[in-house]
Amino acid sequence: MTRSTRPSFGALIFFATAFALSAYFTFAAVQGDYGIFRRVEIAAEADALRGDLDRLNADIAAMENLTRRLSDDYLDLDLLDQQARDVLGLLRADEIVIR
């Protein structure tokens, strides 16, 4: 009596299931919601947001500087003259307006 050397059907199902599960988990680890590609996207978005934050902080600092220069404690006459010209349309007596 000789025994067949073919693997049994149960072993074939076991290895096919193990391969399918490992392929699924590998795919999920790379492209899933918490995968490697999503992590790279989040890092790139965080860098872009940090750049926006730095730009906004610079804008805020410039506005705070202008506000301080026009405050009661420290009055910059050149800035006041510039603002009066821009906002109110004022002119000095020795200036000529060309339209």
Protein backbone atom coordinates (compact mmCIF):
# COMPACT_ATOMS: atom_id res chain seq x y z
CA MET A 1 0.00 0.00 0.00
CA THR A 2 1.54 3.28 -1.13
CA ARG A 3 0.42 6.58 0.10
CA SER A 4 -0.16 9.52 -2.26
CA THR A 5 2.35 12.34 -2.00
CA ARG A 6 -0.17 14.99 -3.00
CA PRO A 7 -0.99 17.50 -0.27
CA SER A 8 -4.41 17.15 1.20
CA PHE A 9 -7.23 19.49 0.25
CA GLY A 10 -7.39 20.93 3.80
CA ALA A 11 -3.73 22.00 3.67
CA LEU A 12 -4.33 23.68 0.31
CA ILE A 13 -7.28 25.64 1.75
CA PHE A 14 -5.23 26.60 4.81
CA PHE A 15 -2.33 28.00 2.74
CA ALA A 16 -4.69 29.77 0.32
CA THR A 17 -6.48 31.42 3.25
CA ALA A 18 -3.19 32.36 4.90
CA PHE A 19 -1.94 33.89 1.63
CA ALA A 20 -5.18 35.84 1.13
CA LEU A 21 -5.09 37.21 4.67
CA SER A 22 -1.44 38.20 4.42
CA ALA A 23 -2.10 39.92 1.07
CA TYR A 24 -5.07 41.79 2.57
CA PHE A 25 -3.14 42.98 5.62
CA THR A 26 -0.15 43.99 3.50
CA PHE A 27 -2.41 46.02 1.22
CA ALA A 28 -4.11 47.64 4.24
CA ALA A 29 -0.74 48.49 5.80
CA VAL A 30 0.39 50.25 2.63
CA GLN A 31 -2.75 51.88 1.22
CA GLY A 32 -5.34 51.75 4.00
CA ASP A 33 -6.70 54.65 6.06
CA TYR A 34 -3.79 54.30 8.47
CA GLY A 35 -1.24 53.05 5.93
CA ILE A 36 2.14 54.29 4.83
CA PHE A 37 0.83 56.37 1.91
CA ARG A 38 -1.71 58.13 4.13
CA ARG A 39 1.00 58.88 6.66
CA VAL A 40 3.13 60.52 3.95
CA GLU A 41 0.11 62.59 2.82
CA ILE A 42 -0.51 63.75 6.39
CA ALA A 43 3.15 64.71 6.83
CA ALA A 44 3.10 66.75 3.59
CA GLU A 45 -0.13 68.47 4.64
CA ALA A 46 1.37 69.26 8.06
CA ASP A 47 4.41 70.86 6.41
CA ALA A 48 2.16 72.99 4.19
CA LEU A 49 0.11 74.07 7.20
CA ARG A 50 3.28 74.97 9.12
CA GLY A 51 4.31 77.18 6.19
CA ASP A 52 0.90 78.87 6.21
CA LEU A 53 1.17 79.38 9.96
CA ASP A 54 4.60 80.99 9.62
CA ARG A 55 3.29 83.31 6.89
CA LEU A 56 0.27 84.27 8.99
CA ASN A 57 2.46 84.91 12.04
CA ALA A 58 4.62 87.23 9.93
CA ASP A 59 1.50 89.08 8.75
CA ILE A 60 0.28 89.41 12.34
CA ALA A 61 3.67 90.75 13.45
CA ALA A 62 3.60 93.35 10.65
CA MET A 63 0.08 94.43 11.62
CA GLU A 64 1.02 94.63 15.30
CA ASN A 65 4.01 96.79 14.35
CA LEU A 66 1.82 99.17 12.35
CA THR A 67 -0.74 99.29 15.14
CA ARG A 68 1.94 100.05 17.72
CA ARG A 69 3.40 102.78 15.50
CA LEU A 70 -0.01 104.48 15.33
CA SER A 71 -0.83 104.09 19.04
CA ASP A 72 -1.04 106.90 21.59
CA ASP A 73 2.18 105.78 23.29
CA TYR A 74 4.31 105.89 20.14
CA LEU A 75 3.21 107.94 17.13
CA ASP A 76 5.12 107.64 13.86
CA LEU A 77 4.33 110.83 11.96
CA ASP A 78 5.48 109.46 8.60
CA LEU A 79 3.16 106.47 8.95
CA LEU A 80 0.32 108.76 10.05
CA ASP A 81 0.91 110.94 6.98
CA GLN A 82 0.92 107.87 4.72
CA GLN A 83 -2.31 106.54 6.24
CA ALA A 84 -4.02 109.95 5.92
CA ARG A 85 -3.07 110.07 2.26
CA ASP A 86 -4.19 106.50 1.52
CA VAL A 87 -7.39 106.35 3.53
CA LEU A 88 -8.65 109.93 3.53
CA GLY A 89 -7.13 111.14 0.27
CA LEU A 90 -5.48 114.13 1.91
CA LEU A 91 -2.79 116.23 0.24
CA ARG A 92 -0.27 118.77 1.37
CA ALA A 93 -0.59 122.35 0.22
CA ASP A 94 2.52 122.16 -1.99
CA GLU A 95 1.44 119.05 -3.93
CA ILE A 96 -0.16 118.87 -7.37
CA VAL A 97 -2.63 116.08 -8.22
CA ILE A 98 -2.53 114.62 -11.70
CA ARG A 99 -5.40 112.36 -12.73
